[in-house]
C-alpha atoms as a PDB file:
ATOM      1  CA  MET A   1     -17.583 160.603 -94.487  1.00  0.00           C
ATOM      2  CA  ASP A   2     -20.761 158.876 -93.227  1.00  0.00           C
ATOM      3  CA  GLY A   3     -18.799 155.564 -92.925  1.00  0.00           C
ATOM      4  CA  SER A   4     -17.632 155.508 -96.482  1.00  0.00           C
ATOM      5  CA  ILE A   5     -13.765 154.558 -96.968  1.00  0.00           C
ATOM      6  CA  VAL A   6     -13.879 156.086-100.536  1.00  0.00           C
ATOM      7  CA  ARG A   7     -16.111 158.927-101.760  1.00  0.00           C
ATOM      8  CA  VAL A   8     -16.227 160.475-105.184  1.00  0.00           C
ATOM      9  CA  GLU A   9     -18.338 163.591-105.533  1.00  0.00           C
ATOM     10  CA  ASN A  10     -19.403 165.220-108.964  1.00  0.00           C
ATOM     11  CA  LEU A  11     -16.216 164.099-110.478  1.00  0.00           C
ATOM     12  CA  GLU A  12     -15.620 165.229-114.161  1.00  0.00           C
ATOM     13  CA  LYS A  13     -12.731 164.852-116.515  1.00  0.00           C
ATOM     14  CA  TYR A  14     -12.053 166.531-119.850  1.00  0.00           C
ATOM     15  CA  PHE A  15      -9.307 165.564-122.161  1.00  0.00           C
ATOM     16  CA  GLY A  16      -9.524 168.747-124.443  1.00  0.00           C
ATOM     17  CA  THR A  17     -12.981 168.825-125.739  1.00  0.00           C
ATOM     18  CA  ASN A  18     -13.692 165.117-124.730  1.00  0.00           C
ATOM     19  CA  HIS A  19     -15.709 164.990-121.764  1.00  0.00           C
ATOM     20  CA  VAL A  20     -14.903 161.638-120.445  1.00  0.00           C
ATOM     21  CA  LEU A  21     -16.285 161.705-116.854  1.00  0.00           C
ATOM     22  CA  ARG A  22     -19.736 163.642-116.504  1.00  0.00           C
ATOM     23  CA  GLY A  23     -20.241 164.208-112.815  1.00  0.00           C
ATOM     24  CA  CYS A  24     -19.595 160.687-111.125  1.00  0.00           C
ATOM     25  CA  ASP A  25     -20.796 160.125-107.607  1.00  0.00           C
ATOM     26  CA  LEU A  26     -19.656 157.077-105.591  1.00  0.00           C
ATOM     27  CA  ALA A  27     -19.510 155.970-102.052  1.00  0.00           C
ATOM     28  CA  VAL A  28     -17.538 152.705-101.075  1.00  0.00           C
ATOM     29  CA  ALA A  29     -18.166 151.149 -97.710  1.00  0.00           C
ATOM     30  CA  PRO A  30     -15.255 149.444 -95.801  1.00  0.00           C
ATOM     31  CA  ARG A  31     -14.742 145.740 -96.860  1.00  0.00           C
ATOM     32  CA  GLU A  32     -16.919 146.275 -99.901  1.00  0.00           C
ATOM     33  CA  THR A  33     -16.037 145.003-103.336  1.00  0.00           C
ATOM     34  CA  ILE A  34     -17.281 146.958-106.231  1.00  0.00           C
ATOM     35  CA  CYS A  35     -17.150 145.823-109.861  1.00  0.00           C
ATOM     36  CA  ILE A  36     -17.506 148.420-112.677  1.00  0.00           C
ATOM     37  CA  LEU A  37     -18.494 147.307-115.977  1.00  0.00           C
ATOM     38  CA  GLY A  38     -18.862 149.169-119.331  1.00  0.00           C
ATOM     39  CA  ARG A  39     -17.987 149.229-122.958  1.00  0.00           C
ATOM     40  CA  SER A  40     -14.585 150.415-123.929  1.00  0.00           C
ATOM     41  CA  GLY A  41     -14.348 154.332-123.718  1.00  0.00           C
ATOM     42  CA  SER A  42     -17.188 154.587-121.197  1.00  0.00           C
ATOM     43  CA  GLY A  43     -14.705 156.021-118.603  1.00  0.00           C
ATOM     44  CA  LYS A  44     -14.224 153.213-116.278  1.00  0.00           C
ATOM     45  CA  SER A  45     -10.314 153.294-116.322  1.00  0.00           C
ATOM     46  CA  THR A  46     -10.247 157.252-116.197  1.00  0.00           C
ATOM     47  CA  LEU A  47     -12.386 157.022-112.948  1.00  0.00           C
ATOM     48  CA  LEU A  48      -9.748 154.810-111.219  1.00  0.00           C
ATOM     49  CA  ARG A  49      -6.936 157.021-112.379  1.00  0.00           C
ATOM     50  CA  CYS A  50      -8.794 160.234-111.104  1.00  0.00           C
ATOM     51  CA  ILE A  51      -9.399 158.556-107.827  1.00  0.00           C
ATOM     52  CA  ASN A  52      -5.609 158.198-106.980  1.00  0.00           C
ATOM     53  CA  PHE A  53      -4.752 161.369-109.250  1.00  0.00           C
ATOM     54  CA  LEU A  54      -2.863 159.538-111.871  1.00  0.00           C
ATOM     55  CA  GLU A  55      -5.078 161.849-113.808  1.00  0.00           C
ATOM     56  CA  GLU A  56      -5.897 165.187-112.481  1.00  0.00           C
ATOM     57  CA  PRO A  57      -9.740 165.512-112.252  1.00  0.00           C
ATOM     58  CA  SER A  58     -11.124 168.554-113.921  1.00  0.00           C
ATOM     59  CA  VAL A  59     -14.005 169.043-111.484  1.00  0.00           C
ATOM     60  CA  GLY A  60     -15.194 167.461-108.148  1.00  0.00           C
ATOM     61  CA  ALA A  61     -13.496 165.787-105.063  1.00  0.00           C
ATOM     62  CA  VAL A  62     -12.047 162.472-103.920  1.00  0.00           C
ATOM     63  CA  GLU A  63     -11.902 161.279-100.322  1.00  0.00           C
ATOM     64  CA  VAL A  64     -10.104 158.304 -99.197  1.00  0.00           C
ATOM     65  CA  ASP A  65      -9.981 157.397 -95.498  1.00  0.00           C
ATOM     66  CA  GLY A  66     -10.621 160.828 -94.483  1.00  0.00           C
ATOM     67  CA  ILE A  67      -8.085 162.538 -96.921  1.00  0.00           C
ATOM     68  CA  ARG A  68     -10.107 164.814 -99.030  1.00  0.00           C
ATOM     69  CA  VAL A  69      -8.684 166.307-102.283  1.00  0.00           C
ATOM     70  CA  GLU A  70     -10.515 168.878-104.382  1.00  0.00           C
ATOM     71  CA  ALA A  71      -9.797 168.979-108.195  1.00  0.00           C
ATOM     72  CA  ASP A  72      -7.503 171.805-108.855  1.00  0.00           C
ATOM     73  CA  PRO A  73      -6.069 171.756-112.257  1.00  0.00           C
ATOM     74  CA  LEU A  74      -4.710 175.354-111.845  1.00  0.00           C
ATOM     75  CA  HIS A  75      -2.553 174.481-108.890  1.00  0.00           C
ATOM     76  CA  ALA A  76      -1.962 170.776-109.557  1.00  0.00           C
ATOM     77  CA  ARG A  77       1.787 171.368-109.326  1.00  0.00           C
ATOM     78  CA  SER A  78       1.665 173.135-105.945  1.00  0.00           C
ATOM     79  CA  ARG A  79       3.497 171.594-102.873  1.00  0.00           C
ATOM     80  CA  ALA A  80       0.345 171.492-100.831  1.00  0.00           C
ATOM     81  CA  HIS A  81      -1.706 169.729-103.458  1.00  0.00           C
ATOM     82  CA  GLN A  82       0.990 167.141-104.273  1.00  0.00           C
ATOM     83  CA  GLU A  83       1.345 166.198-100.444  1.00  0.00           C
ATOM     84  CA  GLN A  84      -2.546 165.549-100.676  1.00  0.00           C
ATOM     85  CA  ILE A  85      -2.123 163.303-103.650  1.00  0.00           C
ATOM     86  CA  ARG A  86       0.580 161.397-101.990  1.00  0.00           C
ATOM     87  CA  GLN A  87      -1.562 160.778 -98.952  1.00  0.00           C
ATOM     88  CA  ILE A  88      -4.367 159.625-101.263  1.00  0.00           C
ATOM     89  CA  ARG A  89      -1.907 157.159-103.098  1.00  0.00           C
ATOM     90  CA  LEU A  90      -0.665 155.709 -99.832  1.00  0.00           C
ATOM     91  CA  ARG A  91      -4.325 154.630 -99.207  1.00  0.00           C
ATOM     92  CA  ALA A  92      -5.569 153.801-102.506  1.00  0.00           C
ATOM     93  CA  GLN A  93      -3.211 151.393-104.526  1.00  0.00           C
ATOM     94  CA  MET A  94      -3.692 150.630-108.151  1.00  0.00           C
ATOM     95  CA  VAL A  95      -2.960 147.181-109.931  1.00  0.00           C
ATOM     96  CA  PHE A  96      -2.590 147.843-113.840  1.00  0.00           C
ATOM     97  CA  GLN A  97      -3.345 145.777-116.831  1.00  0.00           C
ATOM     98  CA  GLU A  98       0.320 145.524-117.757  1.00  0.00           C
ATOM     99  CA  PHE A  99       1.944 144.689-114.407  1.00  0.00           C
ATOM    100  CA  ASN A 100       4.426 147.481-114.415  1.00  0.00           C
ATOM    101  CA  LEU A 101       7.101 145.600-112.512  1.00  0.00           C
ATOM    102  CA  PHE A 102      10.642 147.015-112.543  1.00  0.00           C
ATOM    103  CA  PRO A 103      12.514 144.815-114.949  1.00  0.00           C
ATOM    104  CA  HIS A 104      15.946 145.453-113.475  1.00  0.00           C
ATOM    105  CA  MET A 105      14.835 144.211-110.133  1.00  0.00           C
ATOM    106  CA  ARG A 106      14.283 140.775-108.878  1.00  0.00           C
ATOM    107  CA  VAL A 107      10.731 140.111-107.565  1.00  0.00           C
ATOM    108  CA  ILE A 108      11.585 140.637-103.694  1.00  0.00           C
ATOM    109  CA  ASP A 109      13.112 144.012-104.573  1.00  0.00           C
ATOM    110  CA  ASN A 110      10.004 145.095-106.579  1.00  0.00           C
ATOM    111  CA  LEU A 111       8.043 144.379-103.474  1.00  0.00           C
ATOM    112  CA  ILE A 112      10.322 146.228-100.869  1.00  0.00           C
ATOM    113  CA  GLU A 113      11.075 149.244-102.864  1.00  0.00           C
ATOM    114  CA  ALA A 114       7.871 151.395-102.279  1.00  0.00           C
ATOM    115  CA  PRO A 115       7.749 150.433 -98.494  1.00  0.00           C
ATOM    116  CA  MET A 116      11.273 151.638 -97.850  1.00  0.00           C
ATOM    117  CA  ARG A 117      11.233 154.690 -99.924  1.00  0.00           C
ATOM    118  CA  VAL A 118       7.678 155.876 -99.421  1.00  0.00           C
ATOM    119  CA  ARG A 119       6.596 154.527 -96.026  1.00  0.00           C
ATOM    120  CA  GLY A 120      10.143 154.643 -94.604  1.00  0.00           C
ATOM    121  CA  VAL A 121      10.203 151.106 -93.070  1.00  0.00           C
ATOM    122  CA  SER A 122      13.460 149.311 -92.570  1.00  0.00           C
ATOM    123  CA  ARG A 123      14.765 146.796 -95.003  1.00  0.00           C
ATOM    124  CA  ALA A 124      14.043 143.756 -92.677  1.00  0.00           C
ATOM    125  CA  GLU A 125      10.512 144.815 -91.862  1.00  0.00           C
ATOM    126  CA  ALA A 126       9.900 145.307 -95.600  1.00  0.00           C
ATOM    127  CA  ILE A 127      11.322 141.943 -96.588  1.00  0.00           C
ATOM    128  CA  ALA A 128       9.144 140.199 -93.852  1.00  0.00           C
ATOM    129  CA  THR A 129       6.032 141.867 -95.204  1.00  0.00           C
ATOM    130  CA  ALA A 130       6.858 141.195 -98.829  1.00  0.00           C
ATOM    131  CA  GLU A 131       7.597 137.486 -98.007  1.00  0.00           C
ATOM    132  CA  GLU A 132       4.215 137.249 -96.250  1.00  0.00           C
ATOM    133  CA  PHE A 133       2.326 138.480 -99.200  1.00  0.00           C
ATOM    134  CA  LEU A 134       4.294 136.533-101.830  1.00  0.00           C
ATOM    135  CA  ALA A 135       3.130 133.535 -99.799  1.00  0.00           C
ATOM    136  CA  LYS A 136      -0.359 134.706 -99.967  1.00  0.00           C
ATOM    137  CA  VAL A 137      -0.361 135.023-103.778  1.00  0.00           C
ATOM    138  CA  GLY A 138       1.313 131.669-103.992  1.00  0.00           C
ATOM    139  CA  LEU A 139       4.709 132.900-105.387  1.00  0.00           C
ATOM    140  CA  MET A 140       7.216 132.571-102.511  1.00  0.00           C
ATOM    141  CA  ASP A 141       9.217 130.272-104.735  1.00  0.00           C
ATOM    142  CA  LYS A 142       9.568 133.099-107.141  1.00  0.00           C
ATOM    143  CA  ARG A 143      11.048 135.440-104.355  1.00  0.00           C
ATOM    144  CA  ASP A 144      14.555 135.891-106.227  1.00  0.00           C
ATOM    145  CA  GLU A 145      13.361 135.551-109.796  1.00  0.00           C
ATOM    146  CA  TRP A 146      13.717 138.116-112.403  1.00  0.00           C
ATOM    147  CA  PRO A 147      10.139 139.459-113.853  1.00  0.00           C
ATOM    148  CA  SER A 148      11.241 138.529-117.384  1.00  0.00           C
ATOM    149  CA  ARG A 149      11.243 134.807-116.236  1.00  0.00           C
ATOM    150  CA  LEU A 150       7.653 134.926-115.054  1.00  0.00           C
ATOM    151  CA  SER A 151       4.604 134.124-116.917  1.00  0.00           C
ATOM    152  CA  GLY A 152       1.849 136.861-117.298  1.00  0.00           C
ATOM    153  CA  GLY A 153      -0.223 135.409-114.518  1.00  0.00           C
ATOM    154  CA  GLN A 154       2.836 135.223-112.098  1.00  0.00           C
ATOM    155  CA  LYS A 155       3.714 138.824-113.002  1.00  0.00           C
ATOM    156  CA  GLN A 156       0.220 140.046-112.040  1.00  0.00           C
ATOM    157  CA  ARG A 157       0.132 138.059-108.754  1.00  0.00           C
ATOM    158  CA  VAL A 158       3.426 139.709-108.019  1.00  0.00           C
ATOM    159  CA  ALA A 159       1.922 143.268-108.775  1.00  0.00           C
ATOM    160  CA  ILE A 160      -1.041 142.489-106.292  1.00  0.00           C
ATOM    161  CA  ALA A 161       1.450 141.386-103.673  1.00  0.00           C
ATOM    162  CA  ARG A 162       3.473 144.552-104.238  1.00  0.00           C
ATOM    163  CA  ALA A 163       0.296 146.486-103.844  1.00  0.00           C
ATOM    164  CA  LEU A 164      -0.536 144.853-100.649  1.00  0.00           C
ATOM    165  CA  THR A 165       2.822 145.569 -99.025  1.00  0.00           C
ATOM    166  CA  MET A 166       1.885 149.260 -98.899  1.00  0.00           C
ATOM    167  CA  GLU A 167      -0.978 148.234 -96.614  1.00  0.00           C
ATOM    168  CA  PRO A 168      -3.596 150.330 -98.581  1.00  0.00           C
ATOM    169  CA  LYS A 169      -7.133 150.933 -97.446  1.00  0.00           C
ATOM    170  CA  VAL A 170      -8.443 150.140-100.928  1.00  0.00           C
ATOM    171  CA  LEU A 171      -7.126 148.159-103.985  1.00  0.00           C
ATOM    172  CA  MET A 172      -8.062 149.430-107.178  1.00  0.00           C
ATOM    173  CA  PHE A 173      -7.775 146.983-110.269  1.00  0.00           C
ATOM    174  CA  ASP A 174      -7.923 148.280-113.820  1.00  0.00           C
ATOM    175  CA  GLU A 175      -8.851 145.261-116.009  1.00  0.00           C
ATOM    176  CA  PRO A 176      -6.204 143.099-114.285  1.00  0.00           C
ATOM    177  CA  THR A 177      -6.688 140.000-116.542  1.00  0.00           C
ATOM    178  CA  SER A 178      -7.194 141.727-119.983  1.00  0.00           C
ATOM    179  CA  ALA A 179      -3.566 141.313-120.967  1.00  0.00           C
ATOM    180  CA  LEU A 180      -3.368 137.471-119.910  1.00  0.00           C
ATOM    181  CA  ASP A 181      -3.415 134.369-121.875  1.00  0.00           C
ATOM    182  CA  PRO A 182      -6.876 132.829-121.152  1.00  0.00           C
ATOM    183  CA  SER A 183      -5.252 129.906-119.436  1.00  0.00           C
ATOM    184  CA  LEU A 184      -3.596 132.280-116.752  1.00  0.00           C
ATOM    185  CA  VAL A 185      -6.686 134.189-115.955  1.00  0.00           C
ATOM    186  CA  GLY A 186      -7.965 131.831-113.343  1.00  0.00           C
ATOM    187  CA  GLU A 187      -4.921 132.000-111.058  1.00  0.00           C
ATOM    188  CA  VAL A 188      -5.216 135.791-110.903  1.00  0.00           C
ATOM    189  CA  LEU A 189      -9.109 135.824-110.243  1.00  0.00           C
ATOM    190  CA  LYS A 190      -8.617 133.214-107.521  1.00  0.00           C
ATOM    191  CA  VAL A 191      -6.393 135.503-105.624  1.00  0.00           C
ATOM    192  CA  MET A 192      -8.623 138.528-106.234  1.00  0.00           C
ATOM    193  CA  GLU A 193     -11.701 136.534-104.963  1.00  0.00           C
ATOM    194  CA  GLU A 194      -9.772 135.347-101.733  1.00  0.00           C
ATOM    195  CA  LEU A 195      -8.846 139.136-101.014  1.00  0.00           C
ATOM    196  CA  ALA A 196     -12.686 140.034-101.424  1.00  0.00           C
ATOM    197  CA  HIS A 197     -13.943 137.179 -99.187  1.00  0.00           C
ATOM    198  CA  GLU A 198     -11.439 138.281 -96.711  1.00  0.00           C
ATOM    199  CA  GLY A 199     -12.895 141.744 -96.620  1.00  0.00           C
ATOM    200  CA  THR A 200     -10.209 143.728 -98.703  1.00  0.00           C
ATOM    201  CA  THR A 201     -11.885 146.848-100.014  1.00  0.00           C
ATOM    202  CA  MET A 202     -11.762 146.748-103.809  1.00  0.00           C
ATOM    203  CA  LEU A 203     -12.761 148.662-106.796  1.00  0.00           C
ATOM    204  CA  VAL A 204     -12.432 146.461-109.794  1.00  0.00           C
ATOM    205  CA  VAL A 205     -12.836 147.367-113.478  1.00  0.00           C
ATOM    206  CA  THR A 206     -13.422 144.247-115.174  1.00  0.00           C
ATOM    207  CA  HIS A 207     -15.109 142.200-117.932  1.00  0.00           C
ATOM    208  CA  GLU A 208     -14.909 138.927-116.062  1.00  0.00           C
ATOM    209  CA  MET A 209     -18.557 138.386-115.205  1.00  0.00           C
ATOM    210  CA  SER A 210     -18.031 135.221-113.251  1.00  0.00           C
ATOM    211  CA  PHE A 211     -15.700 137.189-110.741  1.00  0.00           C
ATOM    212  CA  ALA A 212     -18.191 139.896-110.631  1.00  0.00           C
ATOM    213  CA  ARG A 213     -20.976 137.466-109.880  1.00  0.00           C
ATOM    214  CA  GLU A 214     -18.917 135.594-107.285  1.00  0.00           C
ATOM    215  CA  ALA A 215     -17.063 138.352-105.434  1.00  0.00           C
ATOM    216  CA  ALA A 216     -18.589 141.614-105.872  1.00  0.00           C
ATOM    217  CA  ASP A 217     -21.118 143.199-103.256  1.00  0.00           C
ATOM    218  CA  ARG A 218     -22.221 145.678-105.943  1.00  0.00           C
ATOM    219  CA  VAL A 219     -21.900 145.783-109.613  1.00  0.00           C
ATOM    220  CA  LEU A 220     -21.911 149.324-111.456  1.00  0.00           C
ATOM    221  CA  PHE A 221     -22.749 149.743-115.117  1.00  0.00           C
ATOM    222  CA  MET A 222     -20.949 152.811-116.659  1.00  0.00           C
ATOM    223  CA  GLU A 223     -21.929 154.389-119.950  1.00  0.00           C
ATOM    224  CA  GLU A 224     -20.687 157.715-121.416  1.00  0.00           C
ATOM    225  CA  GLY A 225     -19.159 158.735-118.244  1.00  0.00           C
ATOM    226  CA  VAL A 226     -21.891 158.335-115.636  1.00  0.00           C
ATOM    227  CA  PHE A 227     -23.197 155.429-113.641  1.00  0.00           C
ATOM    228  CA  VAL A 228     -26.442 154.192-115.241  1.00  0.00           C
ATOM    229  CA  GLU A 229     -27.158 151.186-113.053  1.00  0.00           C
ATOM    230  CA  GLU A 230     -26.105 149.717-109.879  1.00  0.00           C
ATOM    231  CA  GLY A 231     -27.062 146.794-107.608  1.00  0.00           C
ATOM    232  CA  PRO A 232     -26.280 143.462-106.392  1.00  0.00           C
ATOM    233  CA  PRO A 233     -24.582 141.198-108.859  1.00  0.00           C
ATOM    234  CA  GLU A 234     -27.744 139.012-109.202  1.00  0.00           C
ATOM    235  CA  GLN A 235     -29.834 141.858-110.189  1.00  0.00           C
ATOM    236  CA  VAL A 236     -27.569 143.911-112.635  1.00  0.00           C
ATOM    237  CA  LEU A 237     -26.266 140.597-114.408  1.00  0.00           C
ATOM    238  CA  ASP A 238     -29.332 138.702-114.424  1.00  0.00           C
ATOM    239  CA  ALA A 239     -32.134 141.274-114.610  1.00  0.00           C
ATOM    240  CA  PRO A 240     -30.831 144.595-115.596  1.00  0.00           C
ATOM    241  CA  ARG A 241     -33.360 147.557-115.470  1.00  0.00           C
ATOM    242  CA  ASP A 242     -31.625 149.928-117.650  1.00  0.00           C
ATOM    243  CA  PRO A 243     -31.864 149.425-121.583  1.00  0.00           C
ATOM    244  CA  ARG A 244     -28.290 150.349-122.133  1.00  0.00           C
ATOM    245  CA  THR A 245     -27.053 147.717-119.545  1.00  0.00           C
ATOM    246  CA  GLN A 246     -29.261 145.119-121.216  1.00  0.00           C
ATOM    247  CA  VAL A 247     -27.778 145.880-124.622  1.00  0.00           C
ATOM    248  CA  PHE A 248     -24.315 145.548-123.290  1.00  0.00           C
ATOM    249  CA  LEU A 249     -24.738 142.337-121.423  1.00  0.00           C
ATOM    250  CA  GLU A 250     -26.642 140.826-124.459  1.00  0.00           C
ATOM    251  CA  ARG A 251     -23.635 141.796-126.681  1.00  0.00           C
ATOM    252  CA  PHE A 252     -21.045 140.726-124.293  1.00  0.00           C
ATOM    253  CA  LEU A 253     -22.628 137.463-123.000  1.00  0.00           C
ATOM    254  CA  GLY A 254     -24.621 136.691-125.963  1.00  0.00           C
ATOM    255  CA  ALA A 255     -28.455 136.661-126.374  1.00  0.00           C
ATOM    256  CA  PRO A 256     -30.100 134.380-124.062  1.00  0.00           C
ATOM    257  CA  ARG A 257     -30.873 131.092-125.255  1.00  0.00           C
ATOM    258  CA  PRO A 258     -34.725 130.249-125.832  1.00  0.00           C
ATOM    259  CA  VAL A 259     -35.947 127.755-123.350  1.00  0.00           C
ATOM    260  CA  ARG A 260     -36.608 124.427-124.966  1.00  0.00           C
ATOM    261  CA  ARG A 261     -39.905 122.960-123.816  1.00  0.00           C
ATOM    262  CA  PRO A 262     -40.378 119.164-124.007  1.00  0.00           C
ATOM    263  CA  ALA A 263     -42.597 118.156-126.847  1.00  0.00           C
ATOM    264  CA  PRO A 264     -45.908 116.765-125.561  1.00  0.00           C
ATOM    265  CA  GLU A 265     -45.865 113.035-125.180  1.00  0.00           C
ATOM    266  CA  GLN A 266     -47.468 111.207-127.856  1.00  0.00           C
ATOM    267  CA  PRO A 267     -49.350 107.818-127.471  1.00  0.00           C
ATOM    268  CA  PRO A 268     -47.460 104.747-128.814  1.00  0.00           C
ATOM    269  CA  PRO A 269     -48.410 103.288-132.115  1.00  0.00           C
ATOM    270  CA  LEU A 270     -51.473 101.120-132.145  1.00  0.00           C
ATOM    271  CA  ALA A 271     -49.460  97.982-132.739  1.00  0.00           C
ATOM    272  CA  HIS A 272     -47.840  98.422-129.486  1.00  0.00           C
ATOM    273  CA  GLN A 273     -50.791  99.271-127.279  1.00  0.00           C
ATOM    274  CA  VAL A 274     -51.713  96.661-124.890  1.00  0.00           C
ATOM    275  CA  GLY A 275     -54.425  94.193-126.149  1.00  0.00           C
ATOM    276  CA  HIS A 276     -54.292  95.205-129.800  1.00  0.00           C
ATOM    277  CA  THR A 277     -53.580  92.909-132.676  1.00  0.00           C
ATOM    278  CA  ILE A 278     -53.172  93.281-136.234  1.00  0.00           C
END
């Protein structure tokens, strides 16, 4: 895998006649944070869903931590293919827009369910790991709370902790703040920034430009199912090369304000010049 922890090769996805992904290639290094930008319908979320096979790709291949799965729509239900997908999902955990917590389970039970059922760890070990990550996202005091009694920001932080309990090789975020009240966005972004700075490998679909600027190692801009520009945040956000990226950022961030130059200094009225009398 030439050092990449995630590799996407020639990925295509059709929904009927709608060609959503058109041959995407992507390599993600360990400890790298990548932010993916683009207008609605450009294929960003579909790309993430194809990486962990929530959507079966039509063409191409995905590799995560040495587990390679070829797109195989004709045999998608075969036992061998499903086992490959299970291995991919163990390594690539998704955090969704709508949290997807189990409403009938308390917070702690939401966190221990998958480690116990999927990874086969003991209840005691699962609880210890869950408490570690609840503390990490600042929600240890909500350990025994019901999801319905949490704010949107708290639910999303629980969802992040739940993904971390699976000890994934990569975390994928699909617009994790888009369903939140603006006043709650900051608490989620703070957790994500800390994860990025700690070296968690992350793929983040987002419209939060401040997060992309602060936390991303690379920013990719997607348009009509392909990547049209990529680079460090300061290059893509401040000096985009592709006209499509430029148009998107101008519309999203607003047109750049003209620089106001100070007016040339005028001499004082004659009545106030030294030595002048009327």
